[in-house]
Amino acid sequence: MIVKMRFIAIAAAVISGLAAAENLLASTCSGTTIAYQVSGKFGNTIVSGADKLKLAGGPFSVTLYGCETQVPAKTASDYASYSGLILKGQVKSYLLTVPTKFSTDDTSMALVQQPVGLDSIQLRGSVKIEGGTIDILSSIAMPNGALTSTAIAPFPNVSIMTARSEFVYSQGTESTTLAVIGTVAGNVYTGSVAKTSPVLHPTAVQVITAHADGTESMRPLQASPVDPGASTDRVMLRFYASGVGDASEVHVQIAGQDVPVLYSGPAGHFPGLDEVTVEISRSLAGIGEADVVLTADGQTASPVRIHIQ
């Protein structure tokens, strides 16, 4: 069955870092605030177009904040569209060493709940980056029944249906379509709370090696020391953490040396946990035992010890 896409235009201005816009919504919402959270990665294979922003294969996270009592701007038998939502997110471009973070308080979305077929969350907008405009279009498709209705309401974590989930961006008349892989959930947002001190968990650390032929291999850190690898490989470490998902600035040092943070945000497959992925510099080869130190919004977590051969 073909899913009919219904989108609403939005205007989104990218700002430096993440504004605390969700707190504004929490203070003005007369009901419960719902956070629609989508996290995962873009597919390695480009569906169409030229990936000029080099997003393919990179991680992303997006959160839309809406009010449970909000009245839709438009409805039909199988969808409802809403305006005035708050959006924040993060994408990793391989053109940059750090993720691009964005936030806006003027976003719209459509919730589509079909009798059969796939439910979906859909949005469209224009993002300004360094004086240029990038038009975005996103359709996050989920199993039928994931949405309990077309009202803004919570629902549990579900796997994104990759075959129907797409992210399209365009500059001028050229557009690029990427598949997205990950999880999506609609959770009750508790509003402004004291920041939790960040924690870097020493267990379940993964070593990811991206090879020159485009393949990737992954293994647990505990299996053997970290090997920075051949000159054609990129070696990364994926840590699980807490208290990092909402941080606007995340820095990681290994043996006192800053390393590129490729992703920091919600862990797609483990609700309640965050994920931090860093790249290992070859200058660290042979250093032996070393401390990994995470700092999120000025707060430093207890170090984790690793071994680099």
C-alpha atoms as a PDB file:
ATOM      1  CA  MET A   1       0.000   0.000   0.000  1.00  0.00           C
ATOM      2  CA  ILE A   2       1.369   3.446  -0.910  1.00  0.00           C
ATOM      3  CA  VAL A   3       1.556   5.847   2.020  1.00  0.00           C
ATOM      4  CA  LYS A   4       0.174   9.272   1.066  1.00  0.00           C
ATOM      5  CA  MET A   5       2.496  12.009   2.306  1.00  0.00           C
ATOM      6  CA  ARG A   6       0.886  15.116   3.739  1.00  0.00           C
ATOM      7  CA  PHE A   7       3.262  17.834   4.848  1.00  0.00           C
ATOM      8  CA  ILE A   8       3.007  21.333   6.256  1.00  0.00           C
ATOM      9  CA  ALA A   9       5.528  24.087   5.609  1.00  0.00           C
ATOM     10  CA  ILE A  10       7.605  25.296   8.555  1.00  0.00           C
ATOM     11  CA  ALA A  11      10.332  27.885   8.986  1.00  0.00           C
ATOM     12  CA  ALA A  12      13.227  26.778  11.172  1.00  0.00           C
ATOM     13  CA  ALA A  13      16.183  29.000  12.078  1.00  0.00           C
ATOM     14  CA  VAL A  14      19.387  27.248  13.095  1.00  0.00           C
ATOM     15  CA  ILE A  15      21.086  28.800  16.101  1.00  0.00           C
ATOM     16  CA  SER A  16      24.426  28.212  17.750  1.00  0.00           C
ATOM     17  CA  GLY A  17      24.051  25.348  20.210  1.00  0.00           C
ATOM     18  CA  LEU A  18      20.767  24.152  21.712  1.00  0.00           C
ATOM     19  CA  ALA A  19      18.421  26.730  23.182  1.00  0.00           C
ATOM     20  CA  ALA A  20      16.285  25.746  26.170  1.00  0.00           C
ATOM     21  CA  ALA A  21      13.200  26.179  23.999  1.00  0.00           C
ATOM     22  CA  GLU A  22      11.511  23.090  25.403  1.00  0.00           C
ATOM     23  CA  ASN A  23      11.395  24.808  28.797  1.00  0.00           C
ATOM     24  CA  LEU A  24       9.430  27.658  27.191  1.00  0.00           C
ATOM     25  CA  LEU A  25       6.845  25.185  25.909  1.00  0.00           C
ATOM     26  CA  ALA A  26       6.668  23.476  29.284  1.00  0.00           C
ATOM     27  CA  SER A  27       5.898  26.809  30.934  1.00  0.00           C
ATOM     28  CA  THR A  28       3.178  27.810  28.435  1.00  0.00           C
ATOM     29  CA  CYS A  29       1.514  24.433  27.826  1.00  0.00           C
ATOM     30  CA  SER A  30      -1.786  24.113  29.726  1.00  0.00           C
ATOM     31  CA  GLY A  31      -1.510  20.314  29.640  1.00  0.00           C
ATOM     32  CA  THR A  32       1.221  17.675  29.518  1.00  0.00           C
ATOM     33  CA  THR A  33       4.188  18.196  27.211  1.00  0.00           C
ATOM     34  CA  ILE A  34       4.997  15.247  24.929  1.00  0.00           C
ATOM     35  CA  ALA A  35       8.472  14.758  23.477  1.00  0.00           C
ATOM     36  CA  TYR A  36       8.604  12.845  20.191  1.00  0.00           C
ATOM     37  CA  GLN A  37      12.133  11.453  20.116  1.00  0.00           C
ATOM     38  CA  VAL A  38      13.746   9.993  16.994  1.00  0.00           C
ATOM     39  CA  SER A  39      17.343   8.773  17.009  1.00  0.00           C
ATOM     40  CA  GLY A  40      19.476   6.552  14.841  1.00  0.00           C
ATOM     41  CA  LYS A  41      21.569   6.971  11.730  1.00  0.00           C
ATOM     42  CA  PHE A  42      21.152   7.739   8.060  1.00  0.00           C
ATOM     43  CA  GLY A  43      21.505   4.799   5.705  1.00  0.00           C
ATOM     44  CA  ASN A  44      24.904   4.258   4.086  1.00  0.00           C
ATOM     45  CA  THR A  45      23.287   3.895   0.658  1.00  0.00           C
ATOM     46  CA  ILE A  46      21.899   7.120  -0.829  1.00  0.00           C
ATOM     47  CA  VAL A  47      18.350   6.620  -2.105  1.00  0.00           C
ATOM     48  CA  SER A  48      18.610   9.445  -4.655  1.00  0.00           C
ATOM     49  CA  GLY A  49      20.561  12.593  -5.443  1.00  0.00           C
ATOM     50  CA  ALA A  50      24.086  13.657  -4.485  1.00  0.00           C
ATOM     51  CA  ASP A  51      24.844  13.700  -0.749  1.00  0.00           C
ATOM     52  CA  LYS A  52      26.656  17.065  -0.773  1.00  0.00           C
ATOM     53  CA  LEU A  53      26.336  17.465   3.009  1.00  0.00           C
ATOM     54  CA  LYS A  54      27.919  14.012   3.580  1.00  0.00           C
ATOM     55  CA  LEU A  55      25.240  12.821   6.006  1.00  0.00           C
ATOM     56  CA  ALA A  56      24.945   9.222   4.741  1.00  0.00           C
ATOM     57  CA  GLY A  57      25.955   6.717   7.414  1.00  0.00           C
ATOM     58  CA  GLY A  58      26.097   9.415  10.093  1.00  0.00           C
ATOM     59  CA  PRO A  59      24.076   9.568  13.333  1.00  0.00           C
ATOM     60  CA  PHE A  60      21.228  11.938  14.057  1.00  0.00           C
ATOM     61  CA  SER A  61      18.746  12.726  16.826  1.00  0.00           C
ATOM     62  CA  VAL A  62      15.608  14.855  16.713  1.00  0.00           C
ATOM     63  CA  THR A  63      13.084  15.771  19.400  1.00  0.00           C
ATOM     64  CA  LEU A  64       9.762  17.515  18.763  1.00  0.00           C
ATOM     65  CA  TYR A  65       7.956  19.011  21.766  1.00  0.00           C
ATOM     66  CA  GLY A  66       4.170  19.412  21.649  1.00  0.00           C
ATOM     67  CA  CYS A  67       1.335  20.064  24.100  1.00  0.00           C
ATOM     68  CA  GLU A  68      -1.067  17.175  24.742  1.00  0.00           C
ATOM     69  CA  THR A  69      -4.033  19.582  24.753  1.00  0.00           C
ATOM     70  CA  GLN A  70      -2.997  21.264  21.491  1.00  0.00           C
ATOM     71  CA  VAL A  71      -5.718  21.640  18.846  1.00  0.00           C
ATOM     72  CA  PRO A  72      -4.624  20.570  15.335  1.00  0.00           C
ATOM     73  CA  ALA A  73      -4.458  23.193  12.592  1.00  0.00           C
ATOM     74  CA  LYS A  74      -5.935  20.739  10.086  1.00  0.00           C
ATOM     75  CA  THR A  75      -7.466  17.267  10.285  1.00  0.00           C
ATOM     76  CA  ALA A  76      -8.719  14.526   7.989  1.00  0.00           C
ATOM     77  CA  SER A  77      -9.858  10.961   8.511  1.00  0.00           C
ATOM     78  CA  ASP A  78      -6.329   9.618   8.891  1.00  0.00           C
ATOM     79  CA  TYR A  79      -4.097  12.573   9.871  1.00  0.00           C
ATOM     80  CA  ALA A  80      -3.805  15.756  11.923  1.00  0.00           C
ATOM     81  CA  SER A  81      -1.302  18.584  11.488  1.00  0.00           C
ATOM     82  CA  TYR A  82       0.040  20.778  14.285  1.00  0.00           C
ATOM     83  CA  SER A  83       1.935  24.078  14.325  1.00  0.00           C
ATOM     84  CA  GLY A  84       3.865  25.913  17.018  1.00  0.00           C
ATOM     85  CA  LEU A  85       5.887  22.894  18.138  1.00  0.00           C
ATOM     86  CA  ILE A  86       9.480  23.118  19.345  1.00  0.00           C
ATOM     87  CA  LEU A  87      12.215  21.198  17.552  1.00  0.00           C
ATOM     88  CA  LYS A  88      15.767  20.473  18.580  1.00  0.00           C
ATOM     89  CA  GLY A  89      18.172  18.082  16.992  1.00  0.00           C
ATOM     90  CA  GLN A  90      21.638  17.078  15.941  1.00  0.00           C
ATOM     91  CA  VAL A  91      23.104  15.660  12.733  1.00  0.00           C
ATOM     92  CA  LYS A  92      26.635  14.555  11.916  1.00  0.00           C
ATOM     93  CA  SER A  93      28.103  15.638   8.612  1.00  0.00           C
ATOM     94  CA  TYR A  94      31.365  13.997   7.563  1.00  0.00           C
ATOM     95  CA  LEU A  95      32.420  17.431   6.313  1.00  0.00           C
ATOM     96  CA  LEU A  96      32.729  18.554   9.950  1.00  0.00           C
ATOM     97  CA  THR A  97      34.539  17.164  12.986  1.00  0.00           C
ATOM     98  CA  VAL A  98      31.658  17.926  15.367  1.00  0.00           C
ATOM     99  CA  PRO A  99      27.886  17.422  14.965  1.00  0.00           C
ATOM    100  CA  THR A 100      25.659  20.302  13.874  1.00  0.00           C
ATOM    101  CA  LYS A 101      23.051  21.110  16.521  1.00  0.00           C
ATOM    102  CA  PHE A 102      19.898  23.107  15.902  1.00  0.00           C
ATOM    103  CA  SER A 103      16.831  24.360  17.746  1.00  0.00           C
ATOM    104  CA  THR A 104      13.717  26.319  16.802  1.00  0.00           C
ATOM    105  CA  ASP A 105      10.401  27.192  18.457  1.00  0.00           C
ATOM    106  CA  ASP A 106       8.391  27.414  15.208  1.00  0.00           C
ATOM    107  CA  THR A 107       7.861  23.889  13.863  1.00  0.00           C
ATOM    108  CA  SER A 108       4.916  21.925  12.508  1.00  0.00           C
ATOM    109  CA  MET A 109       4.299  18.220  12.060  1.00  0.00           C
ATOM    110  CA  ALA A 110       1.676  15.810  10.810  1.00  0.00           C
ATOM    111  CA  LEU A 111       0.656  12.614  12.599  1.00  0.00           C
ATOM    112  CA  VAL A 112      -0.696  10.017  10.145  1.00  0.00           C
ATOM    113  CA  GLN A 113      -2.624   7.017  11.459  1.00  0.00           C
ATOM    114  CA  GLN A 114      -3.987   4.800   8.708  1.00  0.00           C
ATOM    115  CA  PRO A 115      -6.506   1.951   9.155  1.00  0.00           C
ATOM    116  CA  VAL A 116      -3.956  -0.345   7.481  1.00  0.00           C
ATOM    117  CA  GLY A 117      -0.374   0.262   6.448  1.00  0.00           C
ATOM    118  CA  LEU A 118       2.129   2.393   8.319  1.00  0.00           C
ATOM    119  CA  ASP A 119       1.685   5.161  10.878  1.00  0.00           C
ATOM    120  CA  SER A 120       4.053   8.107  10.473  1.00  0.00           C
ATOM    121  CA  ILE A 121       5.365  11.393  11.816  1.00  0.00           C
ATOM    122  CA  GLN A 122       6.099  13.852   9.024  1.00  0.00           C
ATOM    123  CA  LEU A 123       7.686  17.296   8.913  1.00  0.00           C
ATOM    124  CA  ARG A 124       9.098  19.764   6.423  1.00  0.00           C
ATOM    125  CA  GLY A 125      11.024  23.011   6.724  1.00  0.00           C
ATOM    126  CA  SER A 126      13.783  25.415   5.758  1.00  0.00           C
ATOM    127  CA  VAL A 127      16.984  25.606   7.784  1.00  0.00           C
ATOM    128  CA  LYS A 128      19.502  28.446   7.468  1.00  0.00           C
ATOM    129  CA  ILE A 129      23.149  27.449   7.863  1.00  0.00           C
ATOM    130  CA  GLU A 130      25.962  29.959   7.352  1.00  0.00           C
ATOM    131  CA  GLY A 131      23.817  32.181   5.158  1.00  0.00           C
ATOM    132  CA  GLY A 132      22.544  29.339   2.975  1.00  0.00           C
ATOM    133  CA  THR A 133      19.138  27.685   3.046  1.00  0.00           C
ATOM    134  CA  ILE A 134      18.593  23.927   3.183  1.00  0.00           C
ATOM    135  CA  ASP A 135      15.061  22.591   2.733  1.00  0.00           C
ATOM    136  CA  ILE A 136      14.337  19.465   4.735  1.00  0.00           C
ATOM    137  CA  LEU A 137      11.559  16.927   4.494  1.00  0.00           C
ATOM    138  CA  SER A 138      11.240  13.955   6.805  1.00  0.00           C
ATOM    139  CA  SER A 139       8.844  11.030   7.038  1.00  0.00           C
ATOM    140  CA  ILE A 140       9.340   8.641   9.969  1.00  0.00           C
ATOM    141  CA  ALA A 141       7.245   5.548   9.303  1.00  0.00           C
ATOM    142  CA  MET A 142       6.273   3.141  12.088  1.00  0.00           C
ATOM    143  CA  PRO A 143       4.319  -0.112  12.393  1.00  0.00           C
ATOM    144  CA  ASN A 144       0.543   0.233  12.217  1.00  0.00           C
ATOM    145  CA  GLY A 145      -0.836   0.884  15.698  1.00  0.00           C
ATOM    146  CA  ALA A 146       2.239   2.684  17.026  1.00  0.00           C
ATOM    147  CA  LEU A 147       0.157   5.862  17.227  1.00  0.00           C
ATOM    148  CA  THR A 148      -2.873   5.466  19.460  1.00  0.00           C
ATOM    149  CA  SER A 149      -4.562   8.373  17.636  1.00  0.00           C
ATOM    150  CA  THR A 150      -3.685  11.482  15.643  1.00  0.00           C
ATOM    151  CA  ALA A 151      -3.710  13.517  18.869  1.00  0.00           C
ATOM    152  CA  ILE A 152      -0.408  14.513  20.512  1.00  0.00           C
ATOM    153  CA  ALA A 153       0.034  11.633  22.944  1.00  0.00           C
ATOM    154  CA  PRO A 154       2.751   9.320  24.321  1.00  0.00           C
ATOM    155  CA  PHE A 155       3.604   5.937  22.836  1.00  0.00           C
ATOM    156  CA  PRO A 156       6.357   3.391  23.620  1.00  0.00           C
ATOM    157  CA  ASN A 157       9.626   2.937  21.749  1.00  0.00           C
ATOM    158  CA  VAL A 158       9.217   1.234  18.367  1.00  0.00           C
ATOM    159  CA  SER A 159      11.610   0.381  15.558  1.00  0.00           C
ATOM    160  CA  ILE A 160      11.521   2.725  12.579  1.00  0.00           C
ATOM    161  CA  MET A 161      10.370   1.020   9.402  1.00  0.00           C
ATOM    162  CA  THR A 162      13.451   1.695   7.279  1.00  0.00           C
ATOM    163  CA  ALA A 163      11.798   1.039   3.930  1.00  0.00           C
ATOM    164  CA  ARG A 164       9.335   3.905   4.453  1.00  0.00           C
ATOM    165  CA  SER A 165      11.396   6.285   6.585  1.00  0.00           C
ATOM    166  CA  GLU A 166      13.192   8.977   4.616  1.00  0.00           C
ATOM    167  CA  PHE A 167      15.012  12.259   5.067  1.00  0.00           C
ATOM    168  CA  VAL A 168      15.190  14.587   2.074  1.00  0.00           C
ATOM    169  CA  TYR A 169      17.303  17.732   1.909  1.00  0.00           C
ATOM    170  CA  SER A 170      17.744  20.116  -0.986  1.00  0.00           C
ATOM    171  CA  GLN A 171      19.745  23.175  -1.924  1.00  0.00           C
ATOM    172  CA  GLY A 172      18.143  25.011  -4.830  1.00  0.00           C
ATOM    173  CA  THR A 173      16.605  22.538  -7.247  1.00  0.00           C
ATOM    174  CA  GLU A 174      18.811  19.576  -6.314  1.00  0.00           C
ATOM    175  CA  SER A 175      17.580  17.159  -3.663  1.00  0.00           C
ATOM    176  CA  THR A 176      19.000  14.165  -1.829  1.00  0.00           C
ATOM    177  CA  THR A 177      17.010  11.355  -0.228  1.00  0.00           C
ATOM    178  CA  LEU A 178      18.466   9.256   2.584  1.00  0.00           C
ATOM    179  CA  ALA A 179      16.888   6.337   4.398  1.00  0.00           C
ATOM    180  CA  VAL A 180      16.867   6.516   8.204  1.00  0.00           C
ATOM    181  CA  ILE A 181      17.377   3.655  10.650  1.00  0.00           C
ATOM    182  CA  GLY A 182      16.672   3.778  14.381  1.00  0.00           C
ATOM    183  CA  THR A 183      13.899   4.102  16.949  1.00  0.00           C
ATOM    184  CA  VAL A 184      11.114   6.548  17.698  1.00  0.00           C
ATOM    185  CA  ALA A 185       9.073   7.196  20.835  1.00  0.00           C
ATOM    186  CA  GLY A 186       6.588   9.692  22.245  1.00  0.00           C
ATOM    187  CA  ASN A 187       7.332  10.299  25.912  1.00  0.00           C
ATOM    188  CA  VAL A 188       5.886  12.523  28.586  1.00  0.00           C
ATOM    189  CA  TYR A 189       8.337  15.379  29.046  1.00  0.00           C
ATOM    190  CA  THR A 190       8.902  16.328  32.678  1.00  0.00           C
ATOM    191  CA  GLY A 191       9.978  19.897  31.954  1.00  0.00           C
ATOM    192  CA  SER A 192      12.872  21.838  33.415  1.00  0.00           C
ATOM    193  CA  VAL A 193      14.745  19.824  36.026  1.00  0.00           C
ATOM    194  CA  ALA A 194      18.158  20.172  37.598  1.00  0.00           C
ATOM    195  CA  LYS A 195      20.842  18.889  35.262  1.00  0.00           C
ATOM    196  CA  THR A 196      22.012  15.379  36.039  1.00  0.00           C
ATOM    197  CA  SER A 197      25.763  15.002  36.450  1.00  0.00           C
ATOM    198  CA  PRO A 198      27.126  13.125  33.440  1.00  0.00           C
ATOM    199  CA  VAL A 199      28.211   9.502  33.836  1.00  0.00           C
ATOM    200  CA  LEU A 200      30.392   7.566  31.388  1.00  0.00           C
ATOM    201  CA  HIS A 201      29.674   3.856  31.822  1.00  0.00           C
ATOM    202  CA  PRO A 202      32.827   1.685  31.754  1.00  0.00           C
ATOM    203  CA  THR A 203      31.036  -1.453  30.537  1.00  0.00           C
ATOM    204  CA  ALA A 204      29.698  -2.294  27.067  1.00  0.00           C
ATOM    205  CA  VAL A 205      32.164   0.045  25.298  1.00  0.00           C
ATOM    206  CA  GLN A 206      32.402  -0.807  21.594  1.00  0.00           C
ATOM    207  CA  VAL A 207      35.302  -0.408  19.161  1.00  0.00           C
ATOM    208  CA  ILE A 208      34.128   0.466  15.639  1.00  0.00           C
ATOM    209  CA  THR A 209      36.501   0.334  12.669  1.00  0.00           C
ATOM    210  CA  ALA A 210      35.502   1.941   9.357  1.00  0.00           C
ATOM    211  CA  HIS A 211      37.551   0.366   6.564  1.00  0.00           C
ATOM    212  CA  ALA A 212      38.621   1.967   3.296  1.00  0.00           C
ATOM    213  CA  ASP A 213      36.355  -0.357   1.285  1.00  0.00           C
ATOM    214  CA  GLY A 214      33.276   1.113   3.004  1.00  0.00           C
ATOM    215  CA  THR A 215      32.699  -1.785   5.421  1.00  0.00           C
ATOM    216  CA  GLU A 216      32.590  -1.520   9.203  1.00  0.00           C
ATOM    217  CA  SER A 217      33.539  -3.946  11.947  1.00  0.00           C
ATOM    218  CA  MET A 218      32.581  -3.732  15.608  1.00  0.00           C
ATOM    219  CA  ARG A 219      33.732  -5.542  18.748  1.00  0.00           C
ATOM    220  CA  PRO A 220      33.560  -5.070  22.521  1.00  0.00           C
ATOM    221  CA  LEU A 221      36.437  -3.082  24.039  1.00  0.00           C
ATOM    222  CA  GLN A 222      37.032  -5.734  26.678  1.00  0.00           C
ATOM    223  CA  ALA A 223      38.093  -8.261  24.025  1.00  0.00           C
ATOM    224  CA  SER A 224      41.488  -6.630  23.380  1.00  0.00           C
ATOM    225  CA  PRO A 225      43.258  -3.233  23.516  1.00  0.00           C
ATOM    226  CA  VAL A 226      42.303  -0.463  21.107  1.00  0.00           C
ATOM    227  CA  ASP A 227      44.370  -0.577  17.918  1.00  0.00           C
ATOM    228  CA  PRO A 228      44.353   2.755  16.004  1.00  0.00           C
ATOM    229  CA  GLY A 229      44.614   0.610  12.888  1.00  0.00           C
ATOM    230  CA  ALA A 230      46.089   1.010   9.432  1.00  0.00           C
ATOM    231  CA  SER A 231      46.369   4.470   7.902  1.00  0.00           C
ATOM    232  CA  THR A 232      43.307   3.824   5.723  1.00  0.00           C
ATOM    233  CA  ASP A 233      41.040   2.901   8.665  1.00  0.00           C
ATOM    234  CA  ARG A 234      39.034   5.130  11.016  1.00  0.00           C
ATOM    235  CA  VAL A 235      38.809   3.763  14.560  1.00  0.00           C
ATOM    236  CA  MET A 236      36.032   4.926  16.877  1.00  0.00           C
ATOM    237  CA  LEU A 237      34.863   4.193  20.410  1.00  0.00           C
ATOM    238  CA  ARG A 238      31.180   4.106  21.326  1.00  0.00           C
ATOM    239  CA  PHE A 239      30.421   4.681  25.008  1.00  0.00           C
ATOM    240  CA  TYR A 240      27.117   4.498  26.835  1.00  0.00           C
ATOM    241  CA  ALA A 241      26.479   7.411  29.163  1.00  0.00           C
ATOM    242  CA  SER A 242      23.868   9.191  31.275  1.00  0.00           C
ATOM    243  CA  GLY A 243      23.130  12.903  31.623  1.00  0.00           C
ATOM    244  CA  VAL A 244      24.469  13.731  28.164  1.00  0.00           C
ATOM    245  CA  GLY A 245      21.440  13.658  25.843  1.00  0.00           C
ATOM    246  CA  ASP A 246      20.355  17.280  26.449  1.00  0.00           C
ATOM    247  CA  ALA A 247      23.843  18.781  26.716  1.00  0.00           C
ATOM    248  CA  SER A 248      24.665  21.531  24.225  1.00  0.00           C
ATOM    249  CA  GLU A 249      28.451  21.088  24.558  1.00  0.00           C
ATOM    250  CA  VAL A 250      30.130  17.708  24.915  1.00  0.00           C
ATOM    251  CA  HIS A 251      33.920  17.274  24.981  1.00  0.00           C
ATOM    252  CA  VAL A 252      36.000  14.117  25.387  1.00  0.00           C
ATOM    253  CA  GLN A 253      39.692  13.827  26.192  1.00  0.00           C
ATOM    254  CA  ILE A 254      41.816  10.686  26.029  1.00  0.00           C
ATOM    255  CA  ALA A 255      45.139  10.872  27.887  1.00  0.00           C
ATOM    256  CA  GLY A 256      44.590  14.636  28.118  1.00  0.00           C
ATOM    257  CA  GLN A 257      44.169  15.002  24.352  1.00  0.00           C
ATOM    258  CA  ASP A 258      40.918  16.291  22.814  1.00  0.00           C
ATOM    259  CA  VAL A 259      39.334  13.793  20.431  1.00  0.00           C
ATOM    260  CA  PRO A 260      36.534  14.472  17.902  1.00  0.00           C
ATOM    261  CA  VAL A 261      33.041  13.744  19.251  1.00  0.00           C
ATOM    262  CA  LEU A 262      31.158  12.246  16.315  1.00  0.00           C
ATOM    263  CA  TYR A 263      27.851  11.799  18.156  1.00  0.00           C
ATOM    264  CA  SER A 264      26.342  12.538  21.545  1.00  0.00           C
ATOM    265  CA  GLY A 265      22.676  11.955  22.230  1.00  0.00           C
ATOM    266  CA  PRO A 266      20.061   9.324  23.017  1.00  0.00           C
ATOM    267  CA  ALA A 267      21.037   5.674  22.506  1.00  0.00           C
ATOM    268  CA  GLY A 268      18.606   4.522  19.849  1.00  0.00           C
ATOM    269  CA  HIS A 269      18.108   0.952  21.064  1.00  0.00           C
ATOM    270  CA  PHE A 270      18.392   1.523  24.827  1.00  0.00           C
ATOM    271  CA  PRO A 271      15.738   3.935  26.186  1.00  0.00           C
ATOM    272  CA  GLY A 272      17.046   6.020  29.093  1.00  0.00           C
ATOM    273  CA  LEU A 273      20.687   5.705  28.052  1.00  0.00           C
ATOM    274  CA  ASP A 274      22.786   8.165  26.058  1.00  0.00           C
ATOM    275  CA  GLU A 275      25.513   7.383  23.568  1.00  0.00           C
ATOM    276  CA  VAL A 276      28.840   9.107  22.892  1.00  0.00           C
ATOM    277  CA  THR A 277      30.984   8.149  19.887  1.00  0.00           C
ATOM    278  CA  VAL A 278      34.522   9.506  19.481  1.00  0.00           C
ATOM    279  CA  GLU A 279      37.259   9.009  16.901  1.00  0.00           C
ATOM    280  CA  ILE A 280      40.657   7.723  18.002  1.00  0.00           C
ATOM    281  CA  SER A 281      43.581   9.765  16.709  1.00  0.00           C
ATOM    282  CA  ARG A 282      46.595   7.809  15.444  1.00  0.00           C
ATOM    283  CA  SER A 283      48.744  10.109  17.580  1.00  0.00           C
ATOM    284  CA  LEU A 284      47.495   8.055  20.554  1.00  0.00           C
ATOM    285  CA  ALA A 285      49.019   4.819  19.222  1.00  0.00           C
ATOM    286  CA  GLY A 286      51.247   3.091  21.769  1.00  0.00           C
ATOM    287  CA  ILE A 287      50.159   5.245  24.700  1.00  0.00           C
ATOM    288  CA  GLY A 288      49.032   2.237  26.756  1.00  0.00           C
ATOM    289  CA  GLU A 289      46.735   2.859  29.735  1.00  0.00           C
ATOM    290  CA  ALA A 290      44.795   6.107  29.365  1.00  0.00           C
ATOM    291  CA  ASP A 291      41.839   7.872  30.985  1.00  0.00           C
ATOM    292  CA  VAL A 292      38.783   8.876  28.963  1.00  0.00           C
ATOM    293  CA  VAL A 293      37.274  12.068  30.416  1.00  0.00           C
ATOM    294  CA  LEU A 294      33.826  13.294  29.364  1.00  0.00           C
ATOM    295  CA  THR A 295      32.639  16.866  29.977  1.00  0.00           C
ATOM    296  CA  ALA A 296      29.014  17.832  29.271  1.00  0.00           C
ATOM    297  CA  ASP A 297      27.969  21.486  29.655  1.00  0.00           C
ATOM    298  CA  GLY A 298      30.919  22.123  31.967  1.00  0.00           C
ATOM    299  CA  GLN A 299      30.304  19.088  34.206  1.00  0.00           C
ATOM    300  CA  THR A 300      32.936  16.345  34.161  1.00  0.00           C
ATOM    301  CA  ALA A 301      32.181  12.649  34.558  1.00  0.00           C
ATOM    302  CA  SER A 302      34.427  10.202  36.393  1.00  0.00           C
ATOM    303  CA  PRO A 303      37.106   8.946  33.976  1.00  0.00           C
ATOM    304  CA  VAL A 304      37.021   5.534  32.303  1.00  0.00           C
ATOM    305  CA  ARG A 305      40.327   3.682  31.830  1.00  0.00           C
ATOM    306  CA  ILE A 306      41.134   2.097  28.440  1.00  0.00           C
ATOM    307  CA  HIS A 307      44.267   0.578  26.873  1.00  0.00           C
ATOM    308  CA  ILE A 308      45.580   1.741  23.474  1.00  0.00           C
ATOM    309  CA  GLN A 309      48.291  -0.367  21.877  1.00  0.00           C
END
